[in-house]
Protein backbone atom coordinates (compact mmCIF):
# COMPACT_ATOMS: atom_id res chain seq x y z
CA MET A 1 -124.21 44.86 82.42
CA LYS A 2 -121.86 44.90 84.76
CA ILE A 3 -120.25 48.60 86.16
CA LEU A 4 -117.09 49.39 88.11
CA HIS A 5 -117.33 52.73 89.65
CA VAL A 6 -114.34 54.65 90.72
CA ASN A 7 -114.06 58.09 92.42
CA ILE A 8 -111.67 59.83 94.64
CA SER A 9 -114.59 60.02 97.50
CA ASP A 10 -118.20 58.81 98.74
CA ALA A 11 -119.50 62.66 99.33
CA GLY A 12 -119.28 66.48 99.50
CA GLY A 13 -119.59 67.65 95.58
CA GLY A 14 -121.28 67.74 92.38
CA ILE A 15 -119.63 64.30 91.18
CA GLU A 16 -121.03 62.53 94.17
CA GLN A 17 -124.62 63.91 93.86
CA TYR A 18 -124.95 62.86 90.10
CA LEU A 19 -123.67 59.22 91.70
CA ASP A 20 -126.04 59.65 94.17
CA LEU A 21 -129.12 60.09 91.32
CA LEU A 22 -126.97 57.70 88.96
CA PHE A 23 -126.89 54.12 90.72
CA PRO A 24 -130.76 54.22 91.35
CA GLU A 25 -131.38 54.92 88.06
CA LEU A 26 -129.13 51.49 86.24
CA SER A 27 -129.98 49.83 89.19
CA ARG A 28 -133.99 50.22 88.31
CA ARG A 29 -132.51 49.36 84.34
CA GLY A 30 -131.20 45.98 85.88
CA HIS A 31 -127.63 46.97 86.07
CA SER A 32 -125.04 45.91 88.78
CA SER A 33 -122.47 49.06 90.46
CA VAL A 34 -119.64 48.28 92.56
CA PHE A 35 -118.20 51.86 94.14
CA ILE A 36 -114.34 51.81 94.69
CA TYR A 37 -113.28 55.44 96.70
CA GLY A 38 -110.48 56.87 98.50
CA GLU A 39 -111.86 59.20 100.78
CA HIS A 40 -115.13 60.42 103.26
CA HIS A 41 -115.84 63.39 102.98
CA PRO A 42 -118.86 65.53 105.00
CA GLY A 43 -122.42 65.38 103.76
CA PRO A 44 -124.57 62.56 102.70
CA SER A 45 -122.80 59.74 101.25
CA CYS A 46 -123.61 58.60 97.96
CA THR A 47 -123.19 54.91 98.09
CA ASN A 48 -126.55 53.71 97.72
CA HIS A 49 -128.03 51.21 95.56
CA ALA A 50 -124.14 50.32 95.26
CA GLU A 51 -121.77 48.07 96.57
CA SER A 52 -119.81 50.38 97.76
CA HIS A 53 -115.31 49.92 99.27
CA TYR A 54 -113.29 52.07 100.88
CA ILE A 55 -109.45 51.72 100.05
CA GLU A 56 -107.66 54.87 102.10
CA GLY A 57 -106.03 56.92 99.50
CA VAL A 58 -106.71 54.36 96.50
CA ALA A 59 -108.18 57.19 93.83
CA GLY A 60 -105.16 60.01 94.93
CA VAL A 61 -101.97 61.65 93.50
CA ASN A 62 -98.31 60.58 95.31
CA LYS A 63 -100.45 58.47 97.65
CA LYS A 64 -98.34 55.72 100.28
CA GLU A 65 -99.34 51.74 99.68
CA ASN A 66 -100.24 51.94 96.34
CA THR A 67 -99.35 48.21 95.45
CA ARG A 68 -101.35 46.96 98.42
CA ASN A 69 -103.89 49.48 97.35
CA ILE A 70 -104.18 47.96 93.33
CA LYS A 71 -103.91 44.41 94.62
CA ALA A 72 -107.06 45.61 96.48
CA VAL A 73 -108.83 46.35 93.64
CA GLN A 74 -107.47 43.80 92.33
CA ARG A 75 -109.23 41.46 94.50
CA ILE A 76 -112.86 43.49 94.41
CA MET A 77 -112.34 42.94 90.32
CA ASN A 78 -112.11 39.31 90.27
CA SER A 79 -115.40 38.36 92.33
CA PHE A 80 -117.21 41.26 90.81
CA ARG A 81 -115.79 41.06 87.25
CA PRO A 82 -117.05 43.92 85.47
CA ASP A 83 -118.10 44.05 82.12
CA VAL A 84 -116.94 47.94 81.93
CA ALA A 85 -115.09 50.25 84.81
CA TYR A 86 -117.00 54.21 84.78
CA ILE A 87 -114.21 56.30 86.01
CA HIS A 88 -115.17 59.54 87.52
CA GLN A 89 -112.17 62.26 89.53
CA VAL A 90 -109.48 59.74 90.04
CA LEU A 91 -106.13 60.72 89.98
CA ASN A 92 -103.78 58.25 90.75
CA PRO A 93 -101.68 56.69 87.84
CA SER A 94 -101.04 53.28 88.88
CA LEU A 95 -104.53 52.89 89.40
CA ILE A 96 -105.32 54.13 85.80
CA ARG A 97 -102.87 52.19 84.33
CA PHE A 98 -104.53 49.32 86.12
CA LEU A 99 -107.91 49.93 85.08
CA VAL A 100 -107.33 51.00 81.60
CA ARG A 101 -105.64 47.92 81.18
CA SER A 102 -107.68 45.23 82.11
CA VAL A 103 -110.73 46.15 81.80
CA PRO A 104 -113.08 48.55 79.43
CA THR A 105 -112.81 51.64 80.52
CA VAL A 106 -114.86 55.06 80.07
CA ARG A 107 -114.42 58.35 81.42
CA TYR A 108 -115.82 61.42 83.01
CA VAL A 109 -114.09 63.95 83.10
CA HIS A 110 -116.80 66.17 85.22
CA GLY A 111 -113.54 69.19 85.91
CA PHE A 112 -110.31 70.22 85.05
CA LYS A 113 -108.40 67.85 87.42
CA LEU A 114 -107.36 65.47 84.43
CA VAL A 115 -105.40 68.24 82.14
CA CYS A 116 -104.47 71.03 84.63
CA PRO A 117 -102.68 70.25 87.91
CA GLU A 118 -104.38 72.97 89.62
CA GLY A 119 -108.26 71.72 88.71
CA LYS A 120 -109.27 75.31 87.74
CA LYS A 121 -108.04 75.97 84.06
CA VAL A 122 -107.43 79.51 85.56
CA LEU A 123 -104.74 81.82 84.75
CA ARG A 124 -104.72 84.02 87.89
CA THR A 125 -102.76 87.09 86.48
CA SER A 126 -105.31 87.87 84.44
CA GLY A 127 -108.85 86.01 85.82
CA ARG A 128 -109.31 84.37 81.84
CA HIS A 129 -109.42 80.67 80.98
CA CYS A 130 -106.38 78.89 80.36
CA SER A 131 -106.38 77.40 76.75
CA PHE A 132 -102.77 76.09 77.47
CA ALA A 133 -102.53 72.21 76.73
CA LEU A 134 -100.61 70.33 79.61
CA SER A 135 -97.26 70.03 79.56
CA PRO A 136 -94.12 70.39 81.47
CA LYS A 137 -94.55 74.35 80.36
CA CYS A 138 -97.10 74.48 83.09
CA GLN A 139 -94.54 74.79 85.65
CA ILE A 140 -93.20 77.56 83.69
CA ARG A 141 -96.12 79.21 83.04
CA ALA A 142 -97.05 78.68 87.52
CA TYR A 143 -94.48 81.75 87.66
CA ARG A 144 -95.64 83.63 85.52
CA HIS A 145 -99.71 83.22 85.89
CA LYS A 146 -99.82 81.86 89.68
CA CYS A 147 -102.29 79.09 88.39
CA MET A 148 -100.22 76.48 90.51
CA PRO A 149 -97.81 75.53 92.88
CA ARG A 150 -94.71 77.41 92.10
CA ASN A 151 -92.62 75.09 93.41
CA PRO A 152 -90.95 72.54 91.37
CA ARG A 153 -91.09 70.00 93.95
CA ALA A 154 -94.83 70.50 94.55
CA GLY A 155 -95.87 71.02 90.97
CA LEU A 156 -93.59 68.71 88.67
CA PRO A 157 -94.88 65.59 90.35
CA LEU A 158 -98.98 67.22 89.67
CA ILE A 159 -97.81 67.64 86.01
CA SER A 160 -96.27 64.18 85.67
CA ALA A 161 -99.08 62.55 87.17
CA ALA A 162 -101.91 64.25 84.73
CA ILE A 163 -99.67 63.49 81.86
CA ARG A 164 -99.55 60.12 82.61
CA ASN A 165 -103.65 59.73 83.07
CA CYS A 166 -103.98 61.49 79.72
CA ARG A 167 -101.73 59.38 78.00
CA GLU A 168 -103.47 55.78 79.32
CA HIS A 169 -106.94 57.08 79.12
CA ARG A 170 -106.05 58.47 75.66
CA ARG A 171 -105.18 55.49 74.26
CA TYR A 172 -107.67 53.19 75.72
CA SER A 173 -110.75 55.01 77.49
CA GLN A 174 -114.26 56.12 75.90
CA MET A 175 -113.71 59.78 77.11
CA VAL A 176 -117.63 61.33 78.21
CA VAL A 177 -118.07 65.38 79.20
CA ALA A 178 -121.13 67.02 79.83
CA SER A 179 -120.21 69.89 77.84
CA GLY A 180 -119.44 71.19 74.27
CA PHE A 181 -117.21 73.63 76.29
CA MET A 182 -115.33 70.68 77.87
CA ARG A 183 -115.23 68.89 75.09
CA ASN A 184 -112.94 71.58 73.42
CA VAL A 185 -110.74 71.06 75.83
CA LEU A 186 -110.18 67.50 75.73
CA LEU A 187 -109.62 68.54 71.90
CA TYR A 188 -106.60 70.73 72.56
CA ASN A 189 -105.13 68.19 74.77
CA GLY A 190 -104.74 65.64 72.30
CA PHE A 191 -107.82 63.47 72.85
CA ASP A 192 -109.23 61.74 69.89
CA ALA A 193 -112.72 63.66 68.63
CA GLN A 194 -114.09 60.27 67.80
CA ARG A 195 -113.62 58.98 71.38
CA ILE A 196 -115.76 61.92 73.12
CA THR A 197 -119.24 62.12 73.52
CA VAL A 198 -120.97 64.69 75.62
CA CYS A 199 -123.49 63.65 77.72
CA PRO A 200 -125.32 66.60 79.84
CA TYR A 201 -126.33 66.01 83.64
CA PHE A 202 -129.78 65.18 84.47
CA THR A 203 -131.69 65.80 87.35
CA ASN A 204 -135.15 64.27 88.62
CA GLU A 205 -138.49 66.47 89.01
CA PRO A 206 -139.03 67.67 92.51
CA ARG A 207 -142.03 66.91 94.51
CA LYS A 208 -144.33 69.40 94.47
CA ASN A 209 -145.52 68.97 98.40
CA GLU A 210 -146.45 72.85 98.72
CA GLU A 211 -146.97 76.33 96.94
CA PHE A 212 -144.81 79.37 98.31
CA GLU A 213 -146.45 82.73 98.57
CA GLU A 214 -143.62 84.82 99.68
CA ASN A 215 -144.29 88.63 100.34
CA VAL A 216 -140.60 89.57 99.92
CA PRO A 217 -139.49 87.44 96.94
CA ILE A 218 -135.94 85.16 97.36
CA VAL A 219 -132.91 86.09 95.25
CA LEU A 220 -130.91 82.49 96.08
CA ALA A 221 -127.36 80.94 94.63
CA ILE A 222 -125.74 77.70 96.01
CA GLY A 223 -122.38 76.65 95.47
CA ARG A 224 -118.69 76.84 97.09
CA LEU A 225 -117.40 80.02 99.16
CA VAL A 226 -114.97 80.47 97.25
CA PRO A 227 -114.01 83.24 94.94
CA ALA A 228 -114.86 81.82 92.06
CA LYS A 229 -118.11 80.69 92.53
CA GLY A 230 -118.74 85.02 92.26
CA MET A 231 -120.88 85.37 95.53
CA HIS A 232 -118.90 88.40 96.45
CA LEU A 233 -120.28 90.30 92.70
CA LEU A 234 -123.61 88.61 93.40
CA ILE A 235 -123.27 90.03 96.81
CA GLU A 236 -122.80 94.20 95.46
CA ALA A 237 -125.14 93.12 92.50
CA PHE A 238 -128.06 92.47 95.48
CA SER A 239 -127.05 95.65 97.64
CA ASP A 240 -127.66 98.37 94.60
CA LEU A 241 -131.19 97.20 93.98
CA LYS A 242 -134.18 99.12 94.62
CA VAL A 243 -136.36 96.28 95.10
CA ASN A 244 -137.63 94.58 98.36
CA ALA A 245 -136.08 91.41 98.07
CA ARG A 246 -134.25 88.52 100.26
CA LEU A 247 -130.72 87.34 99.10
CA VAL A 248 -130.01 83.58 100.24
CA ILE A 249 -126.23 81.76 99.55
CA ILE A 250 -126.21 78.22 100.69
CA GLY A 251 -122.75 76.49 100.65
CA ASP A 252 -119.77 76.83 102.60
CA GLY A 253 -116.72 76.74 101.89
CA PRO A 254 -112.70 79.03 102.73
CA ASP A 255 -114.17 82.27 101.95
CA ARG A 256 -117.41 82.00 103.83
CA GLU A 257 -116.21 84.58 106.80
CA ARG A 258 -114.88 87.04 104.38
CA LEU A 259 -117.88 87.81 101.85
CA LYS A 260 -120.10 87.82 105.43
CA THR A 261 -118.13 90.63 106.42
CA PHE A 262 -118.60 92.43 102.89
CA ALA A 263 -122.20 90.96 103.18
CA GLU A 264 -122.72 92.99 106.50
CA LYS A 265 -120.67 96.01 104.87
CA LYS A 266 -123.44 96.08 102.26
CA GLY A 267 -126.25 95.85 104.70
CA LEU A 268 -127.80 92.64 104.50
CA ASN A 269 -128.66 90.56 107.23
CA CYS A 270 -126.13 87.98 107.09
CA GLN A 271 -128.30 85.29 109.32
CA GLU A 272 -130.69 85.70 107.00
CA THR A 273 -128.17 85.50 103.51
CA PHE A 274 -125.49 82.44 104.39
CA LEU A 275 -127.71 78.98 105.27
CA GLY A 276 -124.53 77.26 105.19
CA TRP A 277 -124.38 73.57 103.82
CA LEU A 278 -127.38 71.90 103.05
CA ASP A 279 -128.20 68.65 101.88
CA ASN A 280 -129.91 68.40 98.43
CA GLU A 281 -133.54 68.16 99.11
CA ASN A 282 -133.18 71.82 101.97
CA CYS A 283 -131.64 72.75 99.04
CA ARG A 284 -134.84 71.74 96.71
CA TYR A 285 -136.86 73.28 99.83
CA TRP A 286 -134.87 76.56 98.60
CA ILE A 287 -135.36 76.37 95.24
CA GLU A 288 -138.61 76.03 95.30
CA ARG A 289 -139.15 78.97 97.49
CA SER A 290 -137.15 81.24 95.25
CA ARG A 291 -137.97 83.65 92.46
CA VAL A 292 -135.34 83.39 90.50
CA VAL A 293 -131.83 81.12 91.11
CA VAL A 294 -128.22 83.17 90.78
CA LEU A 295 -124.72 81.69 89.19
CA PRO A 296 -122.58 84.31 89.31
CA SER A 297 -119.66 82.00 88.75
CA ILE A 298 -116.47 83.51 87.21
CA TRP A 299 -114.58 80.64 86.44
CA PRO A 300 -115.12 78.91 83.51
CA GLU A 301 -117.92 75.97 84.49
CA PRO A 302 -117.59 72.73 83.11
CA PHE A 303 -121.47 72.48 83.45
CA GLY A 304 -123.30 73.95 86.49
CA ILE A 305 -125.97 71.44 87.96
CA VAL A 306 -127.66 73.69 90.08
CA GLY A 307 -129.23 75.46 86.86
CA ILE A 308 -130.74 72.53 85.74
CA GLU A 309 -131.72 71.37 88.99
CA ALA A 310 -133.16 75.67 88.68
CA MET A 311 -135.09 74.24 85.65
CA SER A 312 -136.39 71.21 87.14
CA SER A 313 -138.56 73.57 89.60
CA GLY A 314 -140.10 75.97 87.04
CA LYS A 315 -137.49 78.68 87.98
CA PRO A 316 -135.65 81.40 85.45
CA VAL A 317 -131.72 81.50 86.23
CA VAL A 318 -129.49 84.70 85.62
CA ALA A 319 -125.93 83.30 85.24
CA PHE A 320 -122.39 84.99 84.15
CA ASP A 321 -121.68 83.56 80.61
CA SER A 322 -118.15 81.36 81.45
CA GLY A 323 -117.45 77.95 80.37
CA GLY A 324 -120.81 75.49 79.74
CA ILE A 325 -123.63 77.68 81.22
CA SER A 326 -124.68 78.71 78.03
CA GLU A 327 -125.45 75.64 76.55
CA TRP A 328 -127.83 74.45 79.09
CA LEU A 329 -129.42 78.47 80.09
CA VAL A 330 -131.28 79.49 76.32
CA GLN A 331 -130.92 83.51 76.92
CA GLY A 332 -133.78 85.50 76.96
CA GLN A 333 -135.64 82.22 76.73
CA THR A 334 -135.30 79.86 80.23
CA GLY A 335 -133.33 83.20 81.69
CA TYR A 336 -130.16 85.89 81.15
CA LEU A 337 -126.61 85.16 80.25
CA VAL A 338 -124.99 88.56 81.41
CA PRO A 339 -120.92 88.73 80.49
CA THR A 340 -118.95 87.33 83.06
CA GLY A 341 -117.73 90.10 85.93
CA ASP A 342 -120.91 92.40 85.12
CA ILE A 343 -122.09 93.85 88.22
CA ALA A 344 -124.41 96.18 86.79
CA ALA A 345 -125.71 93.80 84.42
CA LEU A 346 -126.11 90.76 86.81
CA GLY A 347 -127.82 93.15 89.14
CA GLY A 348 -129.89 94.44 86.64
CA LYS A 349 -131.62 91.32 85.10
CA ILE A 350 -132.23 90.11 88.66
CA SER A 351 -133.87 93.02 89.70
CA GLU A 352 -135.94 92.95 86.01
CA LEU A 353 -137.39 89.47 87.03
CA LEU A 354 -138.25 91.08 90.65
CA ARG A 355 -140.54 93.79 89.16
CA GLU A 356 -141.92 91.57 86.75
CA PRO A 357 -143.43 87.95 88.60
CA GLU A 358 -145.08 86.84 85.06
CA LEU A 359 -141.83 87.68 83.09
CA ALA A 360 -140.42 85.08 85.87
CA ASN A 361 -143.08 82.38 86.08
CA GLU A 362 -143.45 82.46 82.04
CA LEU A 363 -138.82 81.98 82.17
CA GLY A 364 -139.59 79.34 84.71
CA ARG A 365 -141.90 77.41 82.61
CA ASN A 366 -139.69 77.30 79.45
CA GLY A 367 -137.11 76.06 81.62
CA PHE A 368 -139.17 73.51 82.84
CA GLU A 369 -140.10 72.37 79.14
CA HIS A 370 -136.37 72.70 78.41
CA PHE A 371 -135.64 70.54 81.51
CA LYS A 372 -137.87 67.96 80.24
CA ASN A 373 -136.99 67.65 76.99
CA ARG A 374 -132.70 67.19 77.62
CA PHE A 375 -131.99 66.96 81.49
CA VAL A 376 -134.26 64.13 82.77
CA PRO A 377 -132.80 60.49 83.78
CA ASP A 378 -134.08 58.55 80.26
CA VAL A 379 -132.09 60.86 78.10
CA HIS A 380 -128.79 60.62 79.99
CA LEU A 381 -129.16 56.86 80.75
CA SER A 382 -129.36 56.41 76.82
CA ILE A 383 -126.61 58.28 75.86
CA LEU A 384 -124.57 57.14 78.72
CA LEU A 385 -124.96 53.03 78.52
CA SER A 386 -124.60 52.65 74.34
CA ILE A 387 -121.51 54.93 75.63
CA LEU A 388 -120.86 51.85 78.11
CA ARG A 389 -121.46 48.74 75.42
CA LYS A 390 -119.71 50.79 72.92
CA SER A 391 -116.58 50.61 74.98
CA ILE A 392 -117.04 46.78 75.82
CA GLU A 393 -117.86 46.32 71.49
């Protein structure tokens, strides 16, 4: 099968991490991949095992040079002659319209940008998940909920682009999501249930290079340093623990300095706590060293890839019950879910696993078995390839 992949960038986040894992798996199964992207972001590129083409700004909203960019995409397609296009984070309505009308298409909805101009699906005034369908009324809601640009000159073009993209995908594309939670998001935005498939993410089993015996157990969190990821709540919960342990936070973002100041006030050693952005190999190293991995997200997580990475290393997970997390974290078996925003409950479960290493090991072993049954490459590729073939047929 010849697969054309299109994404907004070649590096920087969970989508690109997914593609970095996907391309070699497709190659091993005899499929050819061509990758088109429009932005360079910091971090390792996901372009290995795929013939890659950079077309500046091709996938973003309201980009200039649309006609020239579409012609560049057409030249690549004329040369490659793909059987199917696998679309990821693409926001450009002209590109979506061209692709869905030129080749069978499958869209993986990794996040909320397709159906939410702000991309977060959160009503800021209340902090609740937004269950409104995408519509021009989103501009009016921006005044009440402060969830997107309140200036119509900025907001309405974003709304219009999202509506146009949804219309094209509803008509032409098979849709893929990582969780039942995301499936419901598409359903209330008018997508056909028969054309939505849940295909959870996957990860690889890490190579066990060494055994770690920490004198001080490590509580680990990995994520972008923004308020929605809830790192401030984790810091507060950790600072109240009566157990000797070390908190390690991997990631970077606009909230970093504020979080470091807050952590210092709570008595934490910021040099030991904040490690900044690390590549996947080094993230795995710290997962292997940890006693427990925490996902303190307070926004509706579409999935939460860090969780299955933790389970692949046999580590228990403690998380707020937000978005699709409960679909891979089995309560009391592979870790613990606590009510979103409940700092005392979060700290209580972390403390329990720190005080009871045998319990942590048991949950970690359960998580590893859960990972092997559901989140390995063969399971994901089996579902994905059947969807791609269905789209072609």
